[in-house]
N, C-alpha and C. Protein backbone atom coordinates (compact mmCIF):
# COMPACT_ATOMS: atom_id res chain seq x y z
N MET A 1 0.83 -1.15 0.04
CA MET A 1 0.06 0.03 0.02
C MET A 1 0.89 1.21 -0.02
N ASN A 2 0.59 2.15 -0.83
CA ASN A 2 1.16 3.45 -0.90
C ASN A 2 0.46 4.45 -0.26
N GLY A 3 0.92 5.86 -0.32
CA GLY A 3 0.21 6.92 0.28
C GLY A 3 -1.13 7.29 -0.41
N SER A 4 -1.25 7.09 -1.68
CA SER A 4 -2.46 7.45 -2.44
C SER A 4 -3.70 6.36 -1.85
N ASP A 5 -3.20 5.09 -1.68
CA ASP A 5 -4.20 4.03 -1.24
C ASP A 5 -4.90 4.64 0.16
N TYR A 6 -3.94 5.19 0.91
CA TYR A 6 -4.50 5.63 2.41
C TYR A 6 -5.36 6.67 2.22
N VAL A 7 -5.08 7.71 1.22
CA VAL A 7 -5.87 8.91 1.08
C VAL A 7 -7.37 8.19 0.44
N GLN A 8 -7.18 7.39 -0.51
CA GLN A 8 -8.53 6.91 -1.04
C GLN A 8 -9.40 6.24 0.13
N ILE A 9 -8.79 5.43 1.05
CA ILE A 9 -9.49 4.89 2.17
C ILE A 9 -10.11 5.79 3.02
N PHE A 10 -9.27 6.87 3.32
CA PHE A 10 -9.80 7.92 4.27
C PHE A 10 -11.09 8.63 3.66
N PHE A 11 -11.01 9.06 2.38
CA PHE A 11 -12.14 9.64 1.81
C PHE A 11 -13.36 8.80 1.74
N ARG A 12 -13.16 7.43 1.52
CA ARG A 12 -14.15 6.50 1.41
C ARG A 12 -14.71 6.30 2.79
N GLU A 13 -14.09 6.22 3.72
CA GLU A 13 -14.71 6.23 5.08
C GLU A 13 -15.34 7.50 5.58
N LEU A 14 -14.82 8.50 5.15
CA LEU A 14 -15.38 9.76 5.44
C LEU A 14 -16.73 9.98 4.71
N THR A 15 -16.88 9.60 3.62
CA THR A 15 -18.12 9.45 2.76
C THR A 15 -19.23 8.56 3.52
N ARG A 16 -18.68 7.38 3.99
CA ARG A 16 -19.73 6.56 4.63
C ARG A 16 -20.21 7.16 5.87
N ILE A 17 -19.27 7.79 6.72
CA ILE A 17 -19.66 8.61 7.97
C ILE A 17 -20.70 9.64 7.57
N ARG A 18 -20.44 10.34 6.54
CA ARG A 18 -21.36 11.45 6.15
C ARG A 18 -22.68 10.77 5.65
N SER A 19 -22.70 9.84 5.11
CA SER A 19 -23.96 9.23 4.61
C SER A 19 -24.82 8.78 5.81
N PHE A 20 -24.02 8.08 6.77
CA PHE A 20 -24.61 7.44 7.92
C PHE A 20 -25.41 8.73 8.72
N ALA A 21 -24.58 9.77 8.91
CA ALA A 21 -24.94 10.96 9.75
C ALA A 21 -26.12 11.68 9.04
N ALA A 22 -26.12 11.66 7.71
CA ALA A 22 -27.17 12.24 6.98
C ALA A 22 -28.60 11.62 7.23
N ILE A 23 -28.58 10.34 7.32
CA ILE A 23 -29.68 9.61 7.78
C ILE A 23 -30.52 10.34 9.03
N PHE A 24 -29.60 10.51 10.06
CA PHE A 24 -30.21 11.02 11.27
C PHE A 24 -30.41 12.60 11.27
N LEU A 25 -29.51 13.32 10.53
CA LEU A 25 -29.61 14.87 10.55
C LEU A 25 -30.45 15.40 9.40
N SER A 26 -30.78 14.67 8.41
CA SER A 26 -31.65 15.25 7.27
C SER A 26 -32.85 15.78 7.77
N PRO A 27 -33.62 15.14 8.60
CA PRO A 27 -34.90 15.84 8.98
C PRO A 27 -34.65 17.00 9.79
N ALA A 28 -33.56 17.14 10.59
CA ALA A 28 -33.43 18.34 11.47
C ALA A 28 -32.51 19.43 10.71
N LEU A 29 -32.12 19.14 9.64
CA LEU A 29 -31.21 20.17 9.12
C LEU A 29 -31.87 21.55 8.86
N PRO A 30 -33.05 21.56 8.41
CA PRO A 30 -33.68 23.03 8.21
C PRO A 30 -33.52 23.82 9.65
N TRP A 31 -33.99 22.96 10.62
CA TRP A 31 -33.90 23.64 11.99
C TRP A 31 -32.48 23.97 12.52
N ILE A 32 -31.51 23.20 12.18
CA ILE A 32 -30.11 23.46 12.56
C ILE A 32 -29.73 24.71 11.74
N GLU A 33 -30.05 24.67 10.55
CA GLU A 33 -29.66 26.03 9.60
C GLU A 33 -30.34 27.27 10.22
N LEU A 34 -31.65 27.21 10.65
CA LEU A 34 -32.41 28.28 11.31
C LEU A 34 -31.70 28.70 12.59
N ALA A 35 -31.32 27.70 13.42
CA ALA A 35 -30.73 28.04 14.73
C ALA A 35 -29.36 28.81 14.48
N ALA A 36 -28.57 28.29 13.49
CA ALA A 36 -27.33 28.85 13.12
C ALA A 36 -27.42 30.16 12.69
N PHE A 37 -28.36 30.42 11.88
CA PHE A 37 -28.75 31.75 11.33
C PHE A 37 -29.05 32.74 12.29
N ILE A 38 -29.91 32.33 13.24
CA ILE A 38 -30.37 33.19 14.31
C ILE A 38 -29.27 33.58 15.28
N ILE A 39 -28.44 32.53 15.73
CA ILE A 39 -27.43 32.74 16.49
C ILE A 39 -26.35 33.76 15.89
N SER A 40 -26.04 33.53 14.60
CA SER A 40 -25.30 34.46 13.78
C SER A 40 -25.72 35.84 13.83
N VAL A 41 -26.93 36.18 13.52
CA VAL A 41 -27.56 37.39 13.65
C VAL A 41 -27.29 38.05 15.01
N ILE A 42 -27.67 37.29 15.98
CA ILE A 42 -27.55 37.88 17.38
C ILE A 42 -26.04 38.30 17.74
N PHE A 43 -25.07 37.49 17.29
CA PHE A 43 -23.68 37.81 17.45
C PHE A 43 -23.29 39.00 16.63
N VAL A 44 -23.73 39.23 15.43
CA VAL A 44 -23.55 40.32 14.54
C VAL A 44 -23.86 41.65 15.20
N VAL A 45 -25.29 41.44 15.74
CA VAL A 45 -25.93 42.67 16.27
C VAL A 45 -25.16 43.00 17.61
N MET A 46 -24.68 42.00 18.35
CA MET A 46 -23.87 42.25 19.66
C MET A 46 -22.60 43.03 19.31
N ILE A 47 -21.99 42.47 18.17
CA ILE A 47 -20.66 43.04 17.79
C ILE A 47 -20.92 44.65 17.40
N ILE A 48 -21.86 44.82 16.56
CA ILE A 48 -22.19 46.15 16.00
C ILE A 48 -22.38 47.13 17.25
N TYR A 49 -23.28 46.63 18.20
CA TYR A 49 -23.71 47.35 19.40
C TYR A 49 -22.51 47.65 20.15
N SER A 50 -21.64 46.81 20.50
CA SER A 50 -20.34 47.14 21.21
C SER A 50 -19.47 48.01 20.54
N LEU A 51 -19.36 47.94 19.29
CA LEU A 51 -18.55 48.75 18.50
C LEU A 51 -19.13 50.21 18.55
N ALA A 52 -20.32 50.33 18.41
CA ALA A 52 -20.95 51.66 18.45
C ALA A 52 -20.87 52.32 19.73
N LYS A 53 -20.92 51.60 20.85
CA LYS A 53 -20.93 52.15 22.19
C LYS A 53 -19.49 52.35 22.82
N SER A 54 -18.50 51.73 21.86
CA SER A 54 -16.99 51.90 22.38
C SER A 54 -16.53 53.21 22.13
N LYS A 55 -16.23 53.99 23.10
CA LYS A 55 -15.80 55.40 22.79
C LYS A 55 -14.30 55.44 22.47
N ARG A 56 -13.68 54.29 23.06
CA ARG A 56 -12.25 54.03 22.76
C ARG A 56 -12.09 53.75 21.26
N LEU A 57 -12.81 52.99 20.57
CA LEU A 57 -12.69 52.74 19.22
C LEU A 57 -12.99 54.03 18.50
N MET A 58 -14.06 54.66 18.79
CA MET A 58 -14.39 55.99 18.09
C MET A 58 -13.13 57.00 18.24
N TYR A 59 -12.58 57.07 19.52
CA TYR A 59 -11.42 57.92 19.59
C TYR A 59 -10.31 57.42 18.74
N GLU A 60 -10.00 56.21 18.69
CA GLU A 60 -8.77 55.71 17.92
C GLU A 60 -9.16 56.05 16.27
N ALA A 61 -10.32 55.81 15.99
CA ALA A 61 -10.67 56.11 14.54
C ALA A 61 -10.57 57.59 14.31
N ASP A 62 -10.85 58.45 15.37
CA ASP A 62 -10.78 59.90 14.91
C ASP A 62 -9.25 60.24 14.89
N GLU A 63 -8.48 59.69 15.78
CA GLU A 63 -7.00 59.86 15.76
C GLU A 63 -6.41 59.54 14.46
N ILE A 64 -6.76 58.38 13.88
CA ILE A 64 -6.14 58.07 12.60
C ILE A 64 -6.71 59.02 11.43
N TRP A 65 -7.98 59.31 11.51
CA TRP A 65 -8.56 60.07 10.52
C TRP A 65 -7.97 61.59 10.56
N ASP A 66 -7.82 61.99 11.86
CA ASP A 66 -7.15 63.41 12.02
C ASP A 66 -5.71 63.36 11.52
N THR A 67 -4.95 62.32 11.83
CA THR A 67 -3.64 62.22 11.41
C THR A 67 -3.59 62.25 9.81
N LEU A 68 -4.34 61.41 9.21
CA LEU A 68 -4.43 61.27 7.71
C LEU A 68 -4.82 62.54 6.95
N PHE A 69 -5.98 63.02 7.60
CA PHE A 69 -6.65 64.05 6.79
C PHE A 69 -6.87 65.18 7.79
N ALA A 70 -5.87 65.73 8.44
CA ALA A 70 -5.99 66.73 9.46
C ALA A 70 -6.45 68.05 8.70
N GLY A 71 -7.63 68.39 9.03
CA GLY A 71 -8.32 69.57 8.49
C GLY A 71 -9.23 70.25 9.60
N ALA A 72 -9.60 71.44 9.25
CA ALA A 72 -10.29 72.23 10.21
C ALA A 72 -11.85 71.60 10.40
N THR A 73 -12.39 71.01 9.40
CA THR A 73 -13.72 70.52 9.53
C THR A 73 -13.65 69.24 10.47
N LEU A 74 -12.61 68.37 10.17
CA LEU A 74 -12.76 67.10 10.95
C LEU A 74 -12.20 67.48 12.54
N LEU A 75 -11.42 68.32 12.68
CA LEU A 75 -10.95 68.76 14.04
C LEU A 75 -12.14 69.43 14.69
N ARG A 76 -12.88 70.26 14.00
CA ARG A 76 -14.13 70.91 14.59
C ARG A 76 -15.19 69.86 15.04
N ARG A 77 -15.32 68.83 14.02
CA ARG A 77 -16.33 67.76 14.35
C ARG A 77 -16.08 67.05 15.69
N ARG A 78 -14.68 66.76 15.66
CA ARG A 78 -14.39 66.03 16.89
C ARG A 78 -14.27 66.86 18.21
N THR A 79 -14.02 68.09 18.06
CA THR A 79 -14.03 69.06 19.17
C THR A 79 -15.56 69.19 19.71
N MET A 80 -16.35 69.26 18.78
CA MET A 80 -17.75 69.36 19.07
C MET A 80 -18.41 68.25 19.86
N ARG A 81 -17.98 66.98 19.40
CA ARG A 81 -18.40 65.77 20.09
C ARG A 81 -17.86 65.77 21.47
N GLY A 82 -16.54 66.07 21.77
CA GLY A 82 -15.98 66.23 23.00
C GLY A 82 -16.56 67.32 23.90
N TRP A 83 -16.95 68.44 23.24
CA TRP A 83 -17.49 69.55 24.03
C TRP A 83 -18.93 69.13 24.54
N LYS A 84 -19.60 68.38 23.73
CA LYS A 84 -20.97 67.91 24.21
C LYS A 84 -20.78 67.02 25.39
N ASP A 85 -19.87 66.25 25.39
CA ASP A 85 -19.57 65.29 26.59
C ASP A 85 -19.18 66.15 27.79
N ILE A 86 -18.55 67.19 27.56
CA ILE A 86 -18.12 67.99 28.71
C ILE A 86 -19.25 68.83 29.28
N LEU A 87 -20.14 69.35 28.39
CA LEU A 87 -21.36 70.07 28.80
C LEU A 87 -22.24 69.15 29.73
N LYS A 88 -22.25 67.77 29.36
CA LYS A 88 -23.13 67.00 30.08
C LYS A 88 -22.49 66.90 31.43
N LYS A 89 -21.19 66.78 31.56
CA LYS A 89 -20.52 66.62 32.85
C LYS A 89 -20.67 67.92 33.74
N ILE A 90 -20.55 68.98 33.09
CA ILE A 90 -20.62 70.27 33.85
C ILE A 90 -21.93 70.55 34.47
N LYS A 91 -22.94 70.01 33.85
CA LYS A 91 -24.39 70.19 34.25
C LYS A 91 -24.70 69.19 35.29
N SER A 92 -23.86 68.26 35.58
CA SER A 92 -24.26 67.15 36.57
C SER A 92 -24.12 67.85 38.10
N PRO A 93 -24.82 67.29 38.89
CA PRO A 93 -24.81 67.87 40.41
C PRO A 93 -23.46 67.30 41.08
N ASP A 94 -22.70 66.50 40.45
CA ASP A 94 -21.57 65.70 41.06
C ASP A 94 -20.33 66.54 40.77
N PRO A 95 -19.59 66.94 41.82
CA PRO A 95 -18.36 67.70 41.70
C PRO A 95 -17.29 66.86 40.97
N ALA A 96 -17.25 65.50 41.15
CA ALA A 96 -16.31 64.66 40.36
C ALA A 96 -16.45 64.88 38.84
N GLU A 97 -17.69 65.03 38.46
CA GLU A 97 -18.01 65.19 37.02
C GLU A 97 -17.42 66.67 36.55
N TRP A 98 -17.59 67.58 37.45
CA TRP A 98 -17.10 68.92 37.06
C TRP A 98 -15.47 68.94 36.92
N ARG A 99 -14.81 68.05 37.70
CA ARG A 99 -13.42 67.89 37.66
C ARG A 99 -13.08 67.26 36.25
N ALA A 100 -13.88 66.15 35.96
CA ALA A 100 -13.61 65.43 34.73
C ALA A 100 -13.80 66.34 33.53
N ALA A 101 -14.77 67.19 33.66
CA ALA A 101 -14.93 68.23 32.50
C ALA A 101 -13.78 69.01 32.34
N VAL A 102 -13.27 69.59 33.41
CA VAL A 102 -12.11 70.45 33.25
C VAL A 102 -10.86 69.65 32.64
N PHE A 103 -10.70 68.39 33.12
CA PHE A 103 -9.54 67.57 32.53
C PHE A 103 -9.78 67.30 31.02
N GLU A 104 -10.99 67.04 30.59
CA GLU A 104 -11.38 66.83 29.25
C GLU A 104 -11.11 68.05 28.34
N ALA A 105 -11.62 69.17 28.81
CA ALA A 105 -11.51 70.41 28.08
C ALA A 105 -10.06 70.61 27.87
N ASP A 106 -9.16 70.47 28.93
CA ASP A 106 -7.58 70.81 28.79
C ASP A 106 -7.09 69.77 27.78
N LYS A 107 -7.59 68.56 27.86
CA LYS A 107 -7.06 67.66 26.88
C LYS A 107 -7.35 67.90 25.58
N ILE A 108 -8.58 68.49 25.17
CA ILE A 108 -9.00 68.92 23.90
C ILE A 108 -8.11 70.14 23.58
N LEU A 109 -7.94 71.07 24.42
CA LEU A 109 -7.02 72.06 24.06
C LEU A 109 -5.61 71.62 23.60
N GLY A 110 -5.08 70.84 24.37
CA GLY A 110 -3.82 70.28 24.04
C GLY A 110 -3.63 69.65 22.75
N HIS A 111 -4.60 68.80 22.38
CA HIS A 111 -4.88 68.25 21.13
C HIS A 111 -4.97 69.20 20.06
N VAL A 112 -5.76 70.19 20.15
CA VAL A 112 -6.01 71.32 19.09
C VAL A 112 -4.78 71.93 18.99
N LEU A 113 -4.03 72.38 19.99
CA LEU A 113 -2.76 72.94 19.85
C LEU A 113 -1.71 72.28 19.13
N ARG A 114 -1.65 70.93 19.46
CA ARG A 114 -0.61 70.11 18.84
C ARG A 114 -0.99 69.92 17.30
N LEU A 115 -2.23 69.78 17.05
CA LEU A 115 -2.62 69.69 15.59
C LEU A 115 -2.54 70.95 14.78
N SER A 116 -2.59 72.03 15.53
CA SER A 116 -2.34 73.34 14.90
C SER A 116 -0.91 73.60 14.71
N GLY A 117 0.05 72.82 15.13
CA GLY A 117 1.42 73.05 14.82
C GLY A 117 2.24 73.54 16.03
N TYR A 118 1.68 73.84 17.24
CA TYR A 118 2.47 74.36 18.33
C TYR A 118 3.17 73.30 18.95
N LYS A 119 4.46 73.39 19.04
CA LYS A 119 5.46 72.56 19.62
C LYS A 119 5.46 72.53 21.11
N GLY A 120 5.53 71.34 21.68
CA GLY A 120 5.81 71.29 23.12
C GLY A 120 5.31 69.87 23.59
N ALA A 121 5.93 69.46 24.70
CA ALA A 121 5.72 68.17 25.27
C ALA A 121 4.27 68.02 25.89
N ASN A 122 3.79 69.33 26.47
CA ASN A 122 2.65 69.27 27.14
C ASN A 122 1.75 70.47 26.67
N VAL A 123 0.62 70.76 27.36
CA VAL A 123 -0.19 71.78 27.09
C VAL A 123 0.39 73.15 27.44
N GLU A 124 1.23 73.06 28.61
CA GLU A 124 1.72 74.40 29.05
C GLU A 124 2.90 74.69 28.00
N GLU A 125 3.66 73.89 27.50
CA GLU A 125 4.60 74.33 26.65
C GLU A 125 3.94 74.75 25.31
N ARG A 126 2.93 74.23 24.95
CA ARG A 126 2.24 74.52 23.72
C ARG A 126 1.53 75.86 23.83
N LEU A 127 1.01 76.13 25.00
CA LEU A 127 0.46 77.57 25.25
C LEU A 127 1.52 78.65 25.21
N ALA A 128 2.76 78.17 25.73
CA ALA A 128 3.89 79.10 25.70
C ALA A 128 4.40 79.40 24.30
N ALA A 129 4.21 78.43 23.50
CA ALA A 129 4.60 78.49 22.07
C ALA A 129 3.82 79.37 21.25
N VAL A 130 2.61 79.74 21.65
CA VAL A 130 1.74 80.69 20.77
C VAL A 130 2.17 81.97 20.76
N PRO A 131 2.45 82.56 19.61
CA PRO A 131 2.86 84.02 19.51
C PRO A 131 1.93 84.87 20.23
N ALA A 132 2.42 86.04 20.68
CA ALA A 132 1.65 87.08 21.36
C ALA A 132 0.59 87.64 20.22
N GLY A 133 -0.57 87.89 20.62
CA GLY A 133 -1.74 88.24 19.69
C GLY A 133 -2.30 87.26 18.78
N GLU A 134 -1.77 86.11 18.69
CA GLU A 134 -2.39 85.15 17.83
C GLU A 134 -3.63 84.55 18.31
N ILE A 135 -3.73 84.29 19.54
CA ILE A 135 -4.98 83.90 20.20
C ILE A 135 -5.36 84.99 21.33
N GLU A 136 -6.48 85.59 21.10
CA GLU A 136 -7.04 86.72 22.00
C GLU A 136 -7.04 86.31 23.47
N HIS A 137 -7.51 85.02 23.72
CA HIS A 137 -7.89 84.56 25.05
C HIS A 137 -6.66 83.70 25.68
N ILE A 138 -5.45 83.82 24.93
CA ILE A 138 -4.33 83.00 25.46
C ILE A 138 -4.00 83.16 26.91
N ASP A 139 -4.11 84.26 27.50
CA ASP A 139 -3.85 84.46 29.02
C ASP A 139 -4.99 83.69 29.80
N ASP A 140 -6.23 83.77 29.41
CA ASP A 140 -7.26 83.22 30.00
C ASP A 140 -7.02 81.61 30.06
N LEU A 141 -6.72 81.21 28.70
CA LEU A 141 -6.43 79.67 28.51
C LEU A 141 -5.28 79.29 29.46
N LYS A 142 -4.29 80.05 29.62
CA LYS A 142 -3.17 79.71 30.38
C LYS A 142 -3.68 79.58 31.97
N ARG A 143 -4.48 80.54 32.40
CA ARG A 143 -5.00 80.63 33.71
C ARG A 143 -5.95 79.29 33.99
N ALA A 144 -6.55 79.03 32.88
CA ALA A 144 -7.60 77.67 33.07
C ALA A 144 -6.65 76.48 33.11
N HIS A 145 -5.58 76.48 32.31
CA HIS A 145 -4.77 75.31 32.39
C HIS A 145 -3.92 75.35 33.65
N THR A 146 -3.63 76.39 34.33
CA THR A 146 -3.05 76.44 35.69
C THR A 146 -4.07 75.80 36.65
N ALA A 147 -5.22 76.17 36.62
CA ALA A 147 -6.24 75.62 37.49
C ALA A 147 -6.44 74.21 37.41
N ARG A 148 -6.36 73.66 36.09
CA ARG A 148 -6.41 72.23 35.78
C ARG A 148 -5.14 71.62 36.44
N GLU A 149 -4.03 72.19 36.39
CA GLU A 149 -2.88 71.67 36.97
C GLU A 149 -2.87 71.53 38.40
N ARG A 150 -3.49 72.51 39.04
CA ARG A 150 -3.67 72.52 40.69
C ARG A 150 -4.64 71.38 40.90
N LEU A 151 -5.58 71.15 40.19
CA LEU A 151 -6.61 70.01 40.37
C LEU A 151 -5.94 68.66 40.32
N ALA A 152 -4.98 68.62 39.26
CA ALA A 152 -4.21 67.39 39.16
C ALA A 152 -3.34 67.09 40.24
N GLU A 153 -2.63 68.06 40.64
CA GLU A 153 -1.69 68.03 41.83
C GLU A 153 -2.16 67.67 43.18
N ASP A 154 -3.48 68.04 43.38
CA ASP A 154 -4.22 67.73 44.72
C ASP A 154 -5.54 67.17 44.42
N PRO A 155 -5.61 65.81 44.29
CA PRO A 155 -6.83 65.25 44.04
C PRO A 155 -8.08 65.45 45.01
N GLY A 156 -7.63 65.92 46.31
CA GLY A 156 -8.51 66.22 47.30
C GLY A 156 -9.06 67.60 47.25
N LYS A 157 -8.50 68.52 46.32
CA LYS A 157 -8.89 69.85 46.24
C LYS A 157 -10.35 69.97 45.89
N GLU A 158 -11.20 70.76 46.60
CA GLU A 158 -12.53 70.84 46.04
C GLU A 158 -12.64 71.97 44.94
N LEU A 159 -13.63 71.62 44.09
CA LEU A 159 -13.82 72.60 43.05
C LEU A 159 -15.40 72.90 43.13
N SER A 160 -15.42 74.27 43.32
CA SER A 160 -16.86 74.74 43.50
C SER A 160 -17.46 74.81 42.01
N ARG A 161 -18.87 74.86 42.05
CA ARG A 161 -19.63 74.98 40.83
C ARG A 161 -19.25 76.26 40.05
N GLU A 162 -19.10 77.19 40.77
CA GLU A 162 -18.67 78.52 40.13
C GLU A 162 -17.27 78.56 39.53
N GLU A 163 -16.41 77.91 40.16
CA GLU A 163 -15.07 77.75 39.56
C GLU A 163 -15.07 76.95 38.33
N ALA A 164 -15.85 75.85 38.36
CA ALA A 164 -15.90 74.88 37.25
C ALA A 164 -16.56 75.73 36.09
N PHE A 165 -17.59 76.41 36.45
CA PHE A 165 -18.35 77.19 35.30
C PHE A 165 -17.35 78.20 34.64
N GLU A 166 -16.56 78.89 35.55
CA GLU A 166 -15.61 79.97 35.02
C GLU A 166 -14.58 79.46 34.16
N ILE A 167 -14.00 78.20 34.64
CA ILE A 167 -12.99 77.57 33.81
C ILE A 167 -13.61 76.99 32.38
N MET A 168 -14.88 76.55 32.43
CA MET A 168 -15.47 76.16 31.19
C MET A 168 -15.85 77.48 30.34
N ARG A 169 -16.06 78.48 30.89
CA ARG A 169 -16.33 79.57 30.10
C ARG A 169 -15.07 80.02 29.26
N ILE A 170 -13.89 79.92 30.09
CA ILE A 170 -12.68 80.32 29.47
C ILE A 170 -12.34 79.32 28.31
N TYR A 171 -12.54 78.01 28.55
CA TYR A 171 -12.31 77.09 27.49
C TYR A 171 -13.35 77.34 26.25
N ARG A 172 -14.54 77.55 26.68
CA ARG A 172 -15.53 77.89 25.56
C ARG A 172 -15.17 79.07 24.71
N ASP A 173 -14.76 80.04 25.34
CA ASP A 173 -14.27 81.39 24.56
C ASP A 173 -13.10 81.04 23.76
N GLY A 174 -12.04 80.24 24.24
CA GLY A 174 -11.03 79.96 23.47
C GLY A 174 -11.38 78.90 22.30
N PHE A 175 -12.21 78.11 22.41
CA PHE A 175 -12.63 77.11 21.40
C PHE A 175 -13.54 77.95 20.37
N LYS A 176 -14.21 78.87 20.83
CA LYS A 176 -15.08 79.78 19.93
C LYS A 176 -14.17 80.53 19.12
N GLU A 177 -13.15 81.12 19.66
CA GLU A 177 -12.11 82.00 18.90
C GLU A 177 -11.44 81.09 17.93
N LEU A 178 -11.06 79.81 18.23
CA LEU A 178 -10.43 78.97 17.30
C LEU A 178 -11.43 78.38 16.17
N GLU A 179 -12.72 78.81 16.37
CA GLU A 179 -13.73 78.32 15.55
C GLU A 179 -13.91 76.80 15.58
N LEU A 180 -13.83 76.28 16.69
CA LEU A 180 -14.08 74.82 16.94
C LEU A 180 -15.34 74.48 17.37
N ILE A 181 -16.10 75.37 18.10
CA ILE A 181 -17.47 75.12 18.53
C ILE A 181 -18.25 76.39 18.10
N ASP A 182 -19.47 76.01 18.15
CA ASP A 182 -20.57 77.14 17.89
C ASP A 182 -20.81 78.24 19.04
């Protein structure tokens, strides 16, 4: 017996097993196909739902898109989405949400400055790299960033609603001047 004989025997036995199984599975085959289809649809819907709800995936897609096609429209769209999240947080009665809003606004500012070409390892350095008179609210933005830094240095520091609103007003004015929000 050579190798091809073994292959022929294998396929002959496989065909016999298939024929034997078909006797038992033939009546149930439409139900098995239906069940497989339903399970597949459920899994596809779950995957789509998970991807749609995943902010991480959306953030990564925006990063790639902004890197490849950095333009004012794309940056504006992304900033508007982030600003809407910030507004939800600042309207919350929870002071922890106010803090998070300040951190997110500063993160957006840093990202915008980086994409605008201002050099620096962090937001403070990028703000310092902005030439005098180029951004009208630059001193206010520096003050807001300093407030954010104080919050980061002292996690126990209380942030009043008035302080949070004032910091958000500064970021709002800066983003409006940069034509990133309405």
